[in-house]
Protein backbone atom coordinates (compact mmCIF):
# COMPACT_ATOMS: atom_id res chain seq x y z
CA MET A 1 64.99 -51.73 -39.86
CA SER A 2 61.63 -52.73 -37.87
CA GLN A 3 62.82 -56.49 -37.80
CA SER A 4 66.66 -55.68 -36.69
CA GLU A 5 65.64 -53.31 -33.76
CA PRO A 6 64.23 -57.04 -31.81
CA LEU A 7 67.44 -58.48 -32.56
CA ALA A 8 69.11 -55.82 -31.48
CA ALA A 9 67.32 -55.46 -28.29
CA LYS A 10 67.81 -59.10 -27.21
CA VAL A 11 71.28 -59.29 -28.08
CA ALA A 12 72.02 -56.31 -25.49
CA ASP A 13 69.81 -57.85 -23.11
CA VAL A 14 71.68 -60.98 -23.31
CA VAL A 15 74.76 -59.34 -23.19
CA GLY A 16 73.49 -57.41 -20.45
CA HIS A 17 72.31 -60.55 -18.32
CA ASN A 18 76.21 -62.42 -18.96
CA ARG A 19 77.86 -59.61 -17.51
CA ILE A 20 75.88 -59.27 -14.80
CA ALA A 21 75.84 -63.35 -14.82
CA ILE A 22 79.63 -62.82 -14.61
CA ASN A 23 80.10 -60.23 -12.08
CA MET A 24 77.86 -62.00 -9.59
CA VAL A 25 79.61 -65.34 -10.16
CA TRP A 26 82.96 -63.69 -9.87
CA THR A 27 81.66 -61.97 -6.52
CA LEU A 28 80.51 -65.29 -5.34
CA LEU A 29 83.70 -67.32 -5.93
CA CYS A 30 86.03 -64.32 -4.23
CA GLY A 31 83.79 -64.92 -1.23
CA PHE A 32 84.02 -68.69 -1.04
CA LEU A 33 88.18 -67.71 -0.89
CA VAL A 34 87.42 -65.43 1.43
CA MET A 35 85.46 -67.92 3.98
CA PHE A 36 88.16 -70.34 3.39
CA MET A 37 90.68 -68.10 5.18
CA GLN A 38 89.12 -69.24 8.36
CA ALA A 39 90.57 -71.90 8.16
CA GLY A 40 93.67 -70.11 7.70
CA PHE A 41 93.24 -68.23 10.96
CA ALA A 42 92.06 -71.20 12.67
CA LEU A 43 95.32 -73.47 12.23
CA ALA A 44 97.69 -70.18 12.29
CA GLU A 45 96.28 -69.01 15.22
CA THR A 46 96.29 -72.65 16.90
CA GLY A 47 99.83 -73.18 15.37
CA PHE A 48 101.10 -70.06 17.46
CA THR A 49 99.42 -70.79 20.91
CA ARG A 50 100.45 -73.73 23.23
CA ALA A 51 99.06 -77.50 22.45
CA LYS A 52 97.23 -77.23 26.11
CA ASN A 53 94.69 -74.87 24.35
CA ALA A 54 94.61 -75.80 21.07
CA GLY A 55 91.59 -77.15 21.08
CA HIS A 56 89.59 -73.73 23.00
CA THR A 57 91.54 -71.40 20.06
CA MET A 58 90.21 -73.95 17.03
CA ALA A 59 86.63 -73.69 18.74
CA MET A 60 86.83 -69.99 19.02
CA ASN A 61 87.85 -69.48 15.12
CA MET A 62 85.41 -71.83 13.88
CA MET A 63 82.52 -70.53 16.46
CA ILE A 64 82.78 -67.35 15.13
CA TYR A 65 82.25 -67.76 11.59
CA GLY A 66 78.31 -68.75 13.01
CA ILE A 67 77.66 -66.37 15.83
CA GLY A 68 79.11 -63.69 13.17
CA MET A 69 77.44 -64.58 10.24
CA LEU A 70 74.09 -64.58 12.32
CA GLY A 71 74.86 -60.96 14.18
CA TYR A 72 75.20 -60.10 10.71
CA TRP A 73 72.17 -61.28 9.32
CA ILE A 74 70.31 -59.80 12.32
CA CYS A 75 71.01 -56.04 11.64
CA GLY A 76 74.97 -55.70 10.98
CA PHE A 77 74.23 -55.79 7.38
CA ALA A 78 71.34 -53.45 7.51
CA LEU A 79 73.64 -51.42 9.26
CA GLN A 80 76.66 -51.19 7.07
CA MET A 81 75.06 -51.67 3.47
CA GLY A 82 71.34 -50.59 4.02
CA GLY A 83 72.23 -46.90 2.38
CA VAL A 84 74.64 -48.04 -0.02
CA GLY A 85 72.45 -46.99 -2.67
CA GLY A 86 73.15 -50.17 -5.08
CA VAL A 87 75.69 -52.28 -6.94
CA LEU A 88 75.67 -51.46 -10.30
CA SER A 89 78.79 -54.31 -11.41
CA LEU A 90 75.76 -56.67 -10.24
CA GLY A 91 72.96 -54.85 -12.03
CA GLY A 92 70.89 -53.61 -8.88
CA ALA A 93 70.86 -54.18 -4.93
CA GLY A 94 68.70 -50.24 -5.54
CA ALA A 95 66.62 -51.36 -2.44
CA LEU A 96 69.84 -50.46 -0.25
CA ALA A 97 68.60 -47.27 -0.57
CA ASN A 98 68.15 -45.92 3.08
CA GLU A 99 70.86 -43.92 4.86
CA PHE A 100 70.57 -42.38 8.15
CA THR A 101 72.22 -39.00 7.76
CA VAL A 102 72.46 -36.09 9.71
CA THR A 103 73.22 -32.42 8.15
CA ILE A 104 75.72 -30.02 9.88
CA ALA A 105 76.53 -27.23 7.79
CA GLY A 106 74.77 -28.30 4.90
CA LYS A 107 76.77 -30.98 4.36
CA GLU A 108 75.16 -35.01 4.89
CA PHE A 109 77.28 -37.04 7.45
CA GLY A 110 75.77 -40.58 6.12
CA LEU A 111 75.75 -42.50 9.67
CA PHE A 112 74.25 -45.93 9.24
CA GLY A 113 71.85 -47.69 6.57
CA THR A 114 68.38 -48.79 7.44
CA THR A 115 67.41 -51.62 5.14
CA GLY A 116 68.21 -55.47 5.19
CA PHE A 117 67.16 -56.46 8.85
CA PHE A 118 67.19 -60.01 8.33
CA LEU A 119 67.61 -60.26 4.74
CA SER A 120 64.12 -60.02 4.25
CA GLY A 121 61.16 -57.25 2.96
CA ASP A 122 62.66 -55.85 -0.16
CA ALA A 123 66.23 -57.71 0.71
CA TYR A 124 64.38 -60.85 -0.37
CA ASP A 125 66.75 -60.61 -3.79
CA ALA A 126 69.18 -62.24 -5.62
CA VAL A 127 71.62 -59.36 -5.93
CA ILE A 128 71.12 -58.45 -2.14
CA PHE A 129 71.87 -61.82 -1.00
CA SER A 130 75.24 -61.99 -2.83
CA VAL A 131 76.22 -58.53 -1.54
CA PHE A 132 75.63 -60.19 1.94
CA LEU A 133 77.69 -63.19 1.29
CA PHE A 134 80.87 -61.27 0.11
CA GLN A 135 80.33 -58.72 2.80
CA MET A 136 79.61 -61.46 5.68
CA VAL A 137 82.99 -63.38 5.58
CA PHE A 138 84.90 -59.71 5.17
CA MET A 139 83.36 -59.06 8.41
CA ASP A 140 84.15 -62.12 9.67
CA THR A 141 87.90 -61.83 9.20
CA THR A 142 87.62 -58.94 11.44
CA ALA A 143 85.66 -60.73 13.97
CA THR A 144 88.35 -63.87 14.01
CA ILE A 145 91.19 -61.43 14.64
CA PRO A 146 90.89 -60.76 18.67
CA THR A 147 90.49 -64.71 19.35
CA GLY A 148 94.25 -64.67 18.75
CA SER A 149 95.39 -61.76 20.68
CA MET A 150 93.04 -62.95 23.71
CA ALA A 151 93.91 -66.72 23.56
CA GLU A 152 94.51 -68.67 25.88
CA ARG A 153 92.73 -66.99 29.01
CA TRP A 154 89.60 -66.31 27.49
CA THR A 155 86.12 -67.30 28.74
CA PHE A 156 83.60 -69.07 26.00
CA LYS A 157 80.58 -67.32 27.57
CA SER A 158 82.81 -63.79 27.29
CA PHE A 159 83.45 -64.80 23.16
CA VAL A 160 80.23 -65.89 22.72
CA VAL A 161 79.04 -62.27 23.67
CA TYR A 162 82.08 -60.32 22.15
CA GLY A 163 81.18 -62.18 18.65
CA PHE A 164 77.67 -61.44 18.26
CA PHE A 165 78.44 -57.09 19.23
CA ILE A 166 81.19 -56.62 16.64
CA SER A 167 79.06 -58.47 13.98
CA MET A 168 76.01 -56.48 14.81
CA PHE A 169 77.64 -53.01 15.33
CA VAL A 170 80.56 -52.07 15.66
CA TYR A 171 82.29 -53.54 12.42
CA PRO A 172 79.50 -52.54 10.56
CA LEU A 173 79.07 -48.90 11.55
CA PHE A 174 82.96 -48.36 10.43
CA ALA A 175 82.41 -50.31 7.26
CA ASN A 176 79.27 -48.07 6.58
CA TRP A 177 81.23 -44.77 7.06
CA VAL A 178 83.88 -46.15 4.37
CA TRP A 179 81.82 -48.76 2.10
CA GLY A 180 78.27 -48.04 2.69
CA GLY A 181 77.54 -44.76 1.89
CA GLY A 182 78.60 -42.81 4.98
CA TRP A 183 80.69 -39.99 6.32
CA LEU A 184 83.92 -41.02 5.43
CA SER A 185 83.68 -41.95 1.89
CA ALA A 186 81.89 -38.45 1.68
CA LEU A 187 85.02 -36.41 2.63
CA GLY A 188 85.67 -35.73 -0.57
CA ARG A 189 82.20 -34.52 -1.64
CA ASN A 190 81.74 -32.55 1.25
CA PHE A 191 85.38 -30.99 2.09
CA GLY A 192 87.62 -31.70 -0.92
CA LEU A 193 89.59 -34.55 0.61
CA GLY A 194 90.59 -36.42 -2.57
CA HIS A 195 87.80 -39.27 -3.02
CA GLY A 196 87.20 -38.96 0.45
CA MET A 197 88.63 -42.37 2.73
CA ALA A 198 89.41 -45.19 -0.08
CA ASP A 199 90.21 -48.19 1.32
CA PHE A 200 89.65 -50.73 -1.23
CA ALA A 201 89.32 -54.37 -0.02
CA GLY A 202 89.76 -53.37 4.02
CA SER A 203 93.02 -52.62 5.60
CA ALA A 204 91.29 -50.27 7.70
CA VAL A 205 87.47 -50.97 7.45
CA VAL A 206 88.82 -55.30 8.33
CA HIS A 207 92.25 -55.54 9.36
CA MET A 208 92.19 -52.59 11.40
CA THR A 209 89.18 -52.75 13.13
CA GLY A 210 90.12 -56.03 14.28
CA GLY A 211 93.80 -55.79 15.36
CA VAL A 212 92.26 -52.27 17.61
CA ALA A 213 89.53 -54.59 18.63
CA ALA A 214 92.36 -56.79 19.43
CA ALA A 215 94.65 -54.28 21.24
CA ALA A 216 91.23 -52.90 23.68
CA GLY A 217 90.59 -57.15 24.49
CA ALA A 218 94.43 -58.01 25.54
CA ILE A 219 94.53 -54.87 27.49
CA VAL A 220 91.28 -55.39 29.53
CA LEU A 221 92.00 -59.37 29.61
CA GLY A 222 95.63 -58.91 30.89
CA PRO A 223 98.60 -61.04 30.29
CA ARG A 224 98.65 -64.65 30.36
CA LEU A 225 100.12 -66.18 33.72
CA GLY A 226 103.95 -66.15 33.79
CA LYS A 227 104.12 -64.51 30.46
CA PHE A 228 106.11 -61.30 32.23
CA LYS A 229 108.71 -61.34 35.21
CA PRO A 230 108.02 -59.38 38.41
CA ASP A 231 110.91 -57.09 36.68
CA GLY A 232 108.22 -56.93 33.41
CA THR A 233 110.69 -58.76 31.47
CA PRO A 234 108.73 -60.37 29.02
CA VAL A 235 109.14 -64.67 28.83
CA ALA A 236 108.57 -67.17 25.71
CA MET A 237 105.80 -68.83 25.22
CA PRO A 238 106.63 -70.67 22.31
CA GLY A 239 103.54 -72.04 19.93
CA HIS A 240 103.15 -75.52 19.84
CA HIS A 241 103.24 -76.31 15.90
CA ILE A 242 104.89 -73.96 13.51
CA PRO A 243 104.06 -75.99 10.51
CA MET A 244 100.71 -75.99 11.68
CA ALA A 245 100.92 -72.07 11.81
CA ILE A 246 103.22 -71.52 8.29
CA ALA A 247 99.95 -73.59 6.45
CA GLY A 248 97.51 -71.39 7.93
CA CYS A 249 99.33 -68.58 6.53
CA PHE A 250 99.28 -70.16 3.22
CA ILE A 251 95.79 -70.64 3.13
CA LEU A 252 95.45 -66.97 4.00
CA ALA A 253 97.68 -65.76 1.14
CA PHE A 254 95.58 -68.25 -1.19
CA GLY A 255 92.22 -67.35 0.19
CA TRP A 256 93.62 -63.28 0.01
CA PHE A 257 93.14 -63.42 -3.65
CA GLY A 258 89.59 -63.33 -3.00
CA PHE A 259 89.75 -60.62 -0.57
CA ASN A 260 91.47 -57.91 -2.77
CA ALA A 261 90.77 -59.23 -6.40
CA GLY A 262 87.37 -59.95 -5.61
CA SER A 263 86.69 -56.67 -4.47
CA THR A 264 86.18 -55.26 -7.53
CA LEU A 265 82.63 -57.20 -7.65
CA ALA A 266 83.02 -57.44 -11.13
CA GLY A 267 84.93 -60.02 -13.27
CA GLY A 268 84.98 -58.18 -16.47
CA ASP A 269 87.26 -55.56 -14.56
CA LEU A 270 90.24 -55.83 -16.09
CA ARG A 271 92.41 -54.24 -13.09
CA ILE A 272 91.89 -57.95 -11.10
CA GLY A 273 95.16 -58.60 -12.84
CA VAL A 274 97.45 -56.04 -11.14
CA ILE A 275 95.10 -56.49 -8.05
CA ALA A 276 96.58 -60.03 -7.63
CA THR A 277 99.95 -59.46 -8.59
CA ASN A 278 100.10 -56.62 -5.97
CA THR A 279 98.69 -58.43 -3.55
CA MET A 280 101.13 -61.40 -4.44
CA LEU A 281 104.60 -59.34 -4.29
CA ALA A 282 103.38 -57.41 -0.93
CA SER A 283 103.18 -61.08 0.58
CA ALA A 284 106.62 -62.38 -0.66
CA SER A 285 108.08 -58.40 0.27
CA GLY A 286 106.52 -58.60 3.70
CA ALA A 287 108.08 -62.16 4.32
CA PHE A 288 111.59 -61.22 3.23
CA PHE A 289 112.41 -58.55 4.61
CA SER A 290 110.46 -59.60 8.32
CA MET A 291 113.27 -62.62 7.80
CA MET A 292 116.08 -60.31 6.84
CA TYR A 293 115.62 -58.05 10.05
CA MET A 294 114.85 -60.46 12.60
CA TRP A 295 118.57 -62.27 11.26
CA MET A 296 120.34 -59.02 10.55
CA ARG A 297 119.23 -58.54 14.13
CA TYR A 298 119.43 -61.65 16.06
CA GLY A 299 121.30 -63.34 13.83
CA LYS A 300 119.19 -65.97 12.78
CA PRO A 301 116.10 -66.09 10.63
CA ASP A 302 113.01 -65.99 12.55
CA VAL A 303 110.37 -68.25 10.87
CA SER A 304 107.34 -67.52 12.40
CA MET A 305 108.21 -63.99 12.13
CA ALA A 306 108.57 -63.97 8.29
CA ALA A 307 105.00 -66.08 8.42
CA ASN A 308 103.97 -62.98 10.39
CA GLY A 309 105.86 -60.58 7.58
CA LEU A 310 103.97 -62.69 4.80
CA LEU A 311 100.36 -61.64 6.40
CA ALA A 312 101.46 -58.13 7.57
CA GLY A 313 102.72 -57.39 3.56
CA LEU A 314 99.34 -59.02 2.59
CA VAL A 315 97.13 -56.59 5.05
CA ALA A 316 99.47 -53.19 4.13
CA ILE A 317 98.34 -54.09 0.27
CA THR A 318 94.58 -54.97 0.82
CA SER A 319 93.53 -50.77 0.99
CA PRO A 320 96.27 -49.93 -2.41
CA CYS A 321 95.86 -53.10 -4.26
CA ALA A 322 94.04 -51.61 -7.01
CA PHE A 323 96.05 -48.28 -7.38
CA VAL A 324 99.39 -48.62 -7.33
CA ASN A 325 102.06 -49.99 -9.28
CA SER A 326 104.19 -53.36 -8.95
CA VAL A 327 107.38 -51.30 -7.19
CA ALA A 328 105.04 -49.47 -4.98
CA ALA A 329 103.14 -52.94 -3.95
CA VAL A 330 106.89 -54.30 -2.77
CA GLY A 331 107.59 -51.39 -1.28
CA ILE A 332 104.55 -51.19 0.73
CA GLY A 333 105.36 -55.07 1.63
CA ALA A 334 108.73 -54.67 2.69
CA VAL A 335 108.04 -51.27 4.93
CA ALA A 336 105.15 -53.99 6.60
CA GLY A 337 107.86 -56.59 7.54
CA ILE A 338 110.00 -54.44 9.13
CA LEU A 339 107.08 -52.30 10.85
CA LEU A 340 105.70 -55.50 11.78
CA CYS A 341 108.86 -57.11 13.62
CA VAL A 342 109.64 -53.58 15.40
CA SER A 343 105.71 -53.47 15.94
CA VAL A 344 105.55 -56.68 18.37
CA LEU A 345 108.75 -56.46 20.03
CA PHE A 346 107.62 -52.50 21.18
CA VAL A 347 103.79 -54.18 22.05
CA GLU A 348 105.08 -56.84 24.33
CA GLN A 349 108.52 -55.18 25.36
CA THR A 350 107.20 -51.39 26.10
CA LEU A 351 104.12 -51.87 26.44
CA LYS A 352 103.43 -55.05 28.03
CA ILE A 353 100.09 -55.98 25.76
CA ASP A 354 100.64 -60.24 25.65
CA ASP A 355 99.63 -60.86 21.86
CA PRO A 356 99.88 -64.73 21.32
CA VAL A 357 99.98 -64.45 17.59
CA GLY A 358 100.73 -60.91 16.70
CA ALA A 359 97.77 -60.20 16.02
CA ILE A 360 98.09 -56.12 16.91
CA SER A 361 101.04 -55.79 14.82
CA VAL A 362 100.05 -57.74 12.18
CA HIS A 363 96.41 -56.34 11.68
CA GLY A 364 96.09 -53.03 13.54
CA VAL A 365 99.04 -51.29 13.10
CA ASN A 366 99.96 -52.65 9.25
CA GLY A 367 96.17 -52.10 8.47
CA ALA A 368 96.69 -48.29 9.36
CA TRP A 369 99.73 -48.13 6.92
CA GLY A 370 97.98 -49.66 4.23
CA VAL A 371 95.65 -46.89 4.39
CA LEU A 372 98.24 -44.23 4.88
CA SER A 373 99.95 -45.99 1.84
CA LEU A 374 97.22 -45.59 -0.33
CA GLY A 375 96.96 -41.87 0.35
CA LEU A 376 101.02 -41.97 -0.64
CA PHE A 377 101.48 -43.98 -3.62
CA ALA A 378 98.40 -44.19 -5.36
CA ASP A 379 99.70 -43.22 -9.06
CA GLY A 380 96.09 -42.12 -10.78
CA THR A 381 95.72 -45.28 -13.19
CA TYR A 382 92.56 -46.30 -11.30
CA GLY A 383 89.29 -45.33 -9.66
CA GLU A 384 87.84 -42.81 -11.89
CA GLY A 385 84.64 -41.38 -10.54
CA LEU A 386 85.39 -43.23 -7.01
CA ASN A 387 82.94 -41.93 -4.17
CA GLY A 388 81.06 -39.60 -6.64
CA VAL A 389 84.58 -37.78 -7.33
CA GLU A 390 85.91 -36.84 -11.06
CA GLY A 391 88.70 -38.46 -12.43
CA ALA A 392 90.95 -40.98 -10.57
CA VAL A 393 92.64 -41.58 -7.35
CA LYS A 394 96.23 -40.25 -6.88
CA GLY A 395 98.19 -40.19 -3.80
CA LEU A 396 100.69 -37.40 -2.39
CA PHE A 397 103.36 -38.63 -4.42
CA TYR A 398 100.88 -38.19 -7.05
CA GLY A 399 99.71 -34.32 -6.33
CA ASP A 400 97.47 -35.34 -4.26
CA VAL A 401 98.02 -34.49 -0.81
CA SER A 402 94.58 -33.91 0.17
CA GLN A 403 94.07 -37.57 -0.13
CA PHE A 404 96.31 -38.27 2.40
CA MET A 405 94.76 -36.39 4.73
CA ALA A 406 91.21 -38.20 3.98
CA GLN A 407 93.20 -41.44 4.85
CA LEU A 408 94.76 -40.27 7.95
CA ALA A 409 91.03 -38.88 8.99
CA GLY A 410 90.46 -42.35 8.45
CA VAL A 411 92.87 -43.93 10.39
CA ILE A 412 92.25 -41.95 13.71
CA THR A 413 88.80 -42.18 13.23
CA ASN A 414 89.46 -46.22 13.62
CA ILE A 415 91.75 -45.95 16.28
CA VAL A 416 89.11 -43.57 18.88
CA PHE A 417 85.82 -45.00 17.63
CA VAL A 418 86.71 -49.01 17.93
CA PHE A 419 89.12 -48.89 20.65
CA VAL A 420 86.85 -46.38 23.12
CA VAL A 421 83.71 -48.65 22.38
CA MET A 422 85.56 -52.37 22.47
CA TYR A 423 87.40 -50.74 25.64
CA VAL A 424 84.48 -49.96 27.19
CA PHE A 425 82.68 -53.24 25.66
CA PHE A 426 85.01 -55.51 27.36
CA LYS A 427 85.21 -53.52 30.75
CA LEU A 428 81.17 -53.78 30.87
CA LEU A 429 81.24 -57.50 29.96
CA ASP A 430 83.36 -58.32 32.51
CA LYS A 431 81.02 -56.90 35.13
CA VAL A 432 78.50 -59.27 33.75
CA VAL A 433 80.50 -62.59 32.31
CA PRO A 434 83.99 -62.80 33.65
CA LEU A 435 86.79 -62.46 30.67
CA ARG A 436 88.88 -64.50 32.06
CA VAL A 437 89.39 -67.54 32.96
CA ASP A 438 90.27 -68.80 36.44
CA PRO A 439 93.84 -69.05 37.23
CA GLU A 440 94.11 -72.49 37.59
CA LEU A 441 92.57 -73.45 34.25
CA GLU A 442 94.50 -71.32 32.97
CA LEU A 443 97.36 -73.25 34.22
CA GLU A 444 95.94 -76.80 32.88
CA GLY A 445 94.68 -75.78 29.61
CA LEU A 446 91.40 -74.60 28.22
CA ASP A 447 90.38 -77.77 26.43
CA GLN A 448 88.24 -79.78 28.43
CA ALA A 449 87.20 -77.00 30.90
CA GLU A 450 86.04 -74.77 28.45
CA VAL A 451 84.63 -76.53 25.46
CA ALA A 452 85.13 -80.15 26.42
CA VAL A 453 87.39 -81.36 23.89
CA SER A 454 91.33 -82.54 24.10
CA ALA A 455 93.10 -81.37 20.76
CA TYR A 456 95.57 -84.11 21.87
CA PRO A 457 94.45 -86.68 24.13
CA ASP A 458 96.68 -89.07 24.08
CA PHE A 459 99.21 -87.03 25.58
CA ASN A 460 100.45 -86.06 28.93
CA LEU A 461 100.60 -81.56 28.23
CA LYS A 462 100.33 -80.63 32.02
CA LYS A 463 103.75 -80.35 33.12
CA ALA A 464 105.35 -79.70 30.49
CA MET A 465 102.90 -76.82 29.32
CA LYS A 466 102.51 -74.89 32.65
């Protein structure tokens, strides 16, 4: 027996090491997929905007990757994950254990982490570095969303300042409250609201944050020249390359499998099959119902709206993908597709906000819908012990109204926090570094003036694109 014990211990050690290695490889691979989504955003946003600004739009989508990553490395990751307390599926990250909290009425409210600045000190660890990579590409998705709503009139200097601000402070703080052990995740433990706010892969943390920031930026920046007639009637400004935009949407859909299924942080979690399939079904449903809505209302299917409907379905399913069945996934995507069409028209025709790519509706509105849909359709088959609460996650339609209330609290918090902070930030920044290019540059196109390139140098675009 004494001879068998060391062998058993060695076998157990090898099995444990392999489990962690599989989970780490899975997490990194999914992180690589999410990183590739940046190419999808670049193509989609550029295709949906005008040719004279194609180089400028591409430049923003490229550089937000580098700018956002550096800001997140400096302090964003520490504020978000510095108090998470470890990642069991990856075998550690226990050094991330310092959360700044305040105590009110005997309840602790986590506000931000305090470990991991510059990925230095105790954060110099393989597990923590892996978590950083995965979380960073999620943040970068948020940061790139306003580059669509503010395209074609945004100065590159102010864009650079924005990139650091959202990656260092705004995104990390809200993400901490939901994913880093902060107060929204503790609503279940502190107040009995289900499992606290649940957001599996980021309908709110990632997409709603980006969409609300996009709304604040577009409002402060104002509409493109010629977008609205004197009486307020919107004028169509078609994108210059719909095939490019649709290709970008397909790249995003491909990367989304890493986004959603990767959020298990565990290749050994067999739920990844459910998550991936739900993700795919919701995207199909979103595209189909967007197409049908526009077809029935305007007499023809609108392929650009269907492409955005695909993304709307993906945004909506991002939060509940692990907690719902396939019927619910198709229903969530269907609502998202119709909601997208209604929202795009409302934002443009009623609110008079110029959003060239529909980012506010795709990410903001449907991010909110996704979070709420979890509170409605979670069926109690997954999420055992989530956020320190016993049992699996159940929504309103499966008997737990309190989970829906937690989701609602998260949506309201996101709208108030992100919109107020970003609106004030853009207003103040405009006083120091003007947000908007000069009118003559906007009419001519921003490529040469702002980023010293011409996307299409062999074509004379000035007359056609004014």
